[in-house]
Each structure stands twice: as structure tokens, then as C-alpha cells.
Protein backbone atom coordinates (compact mmCIF):
# COMPACT_ATOMS: atom_id res chain seq x y z
CA MET A 1 151.42 -92.20 70.08
CA GLN A 2 152.28 -94.88 72.30
CA PRO A 3 149.85 -96.54 74.87
CA ALA A 4 150.98 -95.00 78.54
CA VAL A 5 150.84 -98.74 79.94
CA PRO A 6 152.12 -101.97 78.01
CA GLY A 7 149.52 -103.83 76.33
CA ALA A 8 147.27 -101.15 76.46
CA SER A 9 145.43 -100.12 73.10
CA ALA A 10 145.99 -96.74 70.99
CA ALA A 11 142.28 -97.34 69.96
CA PRO A 12 140.19 -93.73 70.31
CA PHE A 13 138.01 -95.47 73.89
CA PRO A 14 141.28 -97.24 75.18
CA PHE A 15 139.50 -97.26 78.84
CA LEU A 16 137.31 -99.96 77.02
CA GLN A 17 139.88 -102.06 76.83
CA PHE A 18 142.23 -101.13 79.15
CA PRO A 19 141.98 -102.84 82.93
CA PHE A 20 141.53 -106.30 80.94
CA ARG A 21 144.58 -105.90 79.74
CA ARG A 22 146.48 -104.23 81.89
CA PHE A 23 145.69 -107.43 84.25
CA GLY A 24 146.17 -110.25 81.61
CA LEU A 25 142.88 -110.60 81.57
CA GLY A 26 142.16 -110.50 77.82
CA ALA A 27 140.07 -113.00 76.67
CA MET A 28 138.81 -114.66 79.78
CA PRO A 29 138.77 -117.89 78.41
CA GLU A 30 136.23 -119.39 81.88
CA LEU A 31 134.14 -116.56 82.01
CA ASN A 32 133.78 -117.10 78.35
CA THR A 33 132.91 -120.59 79.26
CA THR A 34 130.45 -119.79 82.38
CA MET A 35 128.37 -117.36 80.21
CA ALA A 36 127.87 -120.08 77.57
CA GLN A 37 127.09 -122.31 79.80
CA GLN A 38 124.42 -119.96 80.95
CA ALA A 39 123.54 -119.42 77.81
CA GLU A 40 122.75 -123.00 77.06
CA ALA A 41 120.82 -123.74 80.40
CA ASP A 42 118.96 -120.23 79.90
CA LEU A 43 117.95 -121.95 76.27
CA ALA A 44 117.12 -125.48 77.20
CA SER A 45 114.72 -123.49 79.74
CA LEU A 46 113.25 -121.46 76.84
CA LEU A 47 112.59 -124.12 75.08
CA ASP A 48 110.71 -126.24 77.80
CA ARG A 49 108.63 -123.64 78.58
CA LEU A 50 107.80 -123.19 75.03
CA LYS A 51 107.39 -126.90 74.41
CA ALA A 52 105.30 -126.92 77.33
CA ALA A 53 102.88 -124.25 76.61
CA GLN A 54 102.41 -125.21 72.77
CA ARG A 55 101.46 -128.91 74.17
CA GLU A 56 98.55 -127.04 76.62
CA LEU A 57 97.42 -125.39 73.61
CA VAL A 58 96.83 -128.67 71.75
CA LEU A 59 95.92 -130.95 74.08
CA THR A 60 93.16 -128.00 75.19
CA ALA A 61 91.99 -127.92 71.08
CA ALA A 62 92.02 -131.72 71.21
CA LYS A 63 89.37 -131.65 74.04
CA GLY A 64 87.13 -129.92 71.84
CA SER A 65 84.40 -131.03 69.77
CA THR A 66 85.06 -128.18 67.01
CA LEU A 67 87.94 -127.05 65.51
CA PRO A 68 90.41 -125.14 67.59
CA SER A 69 89.88 -121.05 67.04
CA ASP A 70 92.01 -119.15 64.60
CA GLY A 71 93.43 -117.82 67.71
CA MET A 72 94.20 -120.44 69.30
CA LEU A 73 95.62 -121.90 66.00
CA ARG A 74 97.85 -119.04 65.48
CA LYS A 75 99.79 -119.13 68.88
CA ILE A 76 100.43 -122.92 68.56
CA SER A 77 101.82 -121.76 65.24
CA GLU A 78 103.82 -119.13 66.86
CA LEU A 79 105.07 -120.98 69.11
CA GLU A 80 106.54 -123.34 66.93
CA GLY A 81 108.10 -121.05 65.46
CA ALA A 82 109.75 -120.04 68.46
CA ILE A 83 110.67 -123.25 68.77
CA ALA A 84 112.42 -124.19 65.81
CA ALA A 85 114.39 -120.44 66.79
CA THR A 86 115.58 -121.49 69.67
CA GLU A 87 116.50 -124.91 68.30
CA ALA A 88 118.58 -123.50 66.05
CA LEU A 89 120.32 -121.00 68.24
CA MET A 90 121.20 -124.40 70.43
CA GLN A 91 122.57 -125.76 67.99
CA GLU A 92 124.22 -122.71 66.66
CA GLU A 93 126.33 -122.08 69.61
CA GLY A 94 126.77 -125.89 70.46
CA VAL A 95 128.47 -126.10 67.04
CA ARG A 96 130.53 -122.38 68.29
CA ARG A 97 132.18 -123.99 71.05
């Protein structure tokens, strides 16, 4: 069975592709670039917030005369993991472009 519209897909769900292909908007590179830039900005903002939160916890722990609580140490460690994951994702996204 041939698609009724040139460029439309003969896939089981052609309506998922049809409008974009019909109007020649296949990949829409400018939209992809804008989305990538927005994602990069979002990740950078998240990274800044995570680092600021971790810094505040470390500075608070440094002010005390005793060892920080297990909960505070756990939170600092969890933030470190989130920071590493965010940095890795930023690097991965940068390599793709």
C-alpha cells in the first residue's frame, strides 16, 4: 500500500510522521539545535545549584567542632554523585554535537 501523501510513511502509525514530512520539516535542525542549547543551559543551571548546595553543607560542617552527622555526610556524598552524573551528561551531550 502506497502512502496517500508523498513523503508520508506507510508505517502502522503514519500520523506520527505525516505533518512534519508533508511540510518538509523532517529533522528540523534549527529546532534540534535550540533544544540542545536549552538542555545544555538547563544542565549548567542544575550543576550550579548542586555545587552551591554541596558547598553550603561542607561549609556548615566545617564550622562545627565535631564530625558532621551521618545524614550530612550522606547528603554531601549524594550531591557529589549527582554532580558527577550531571557533568558526565553535559560532556556526553557536548560530544554528540
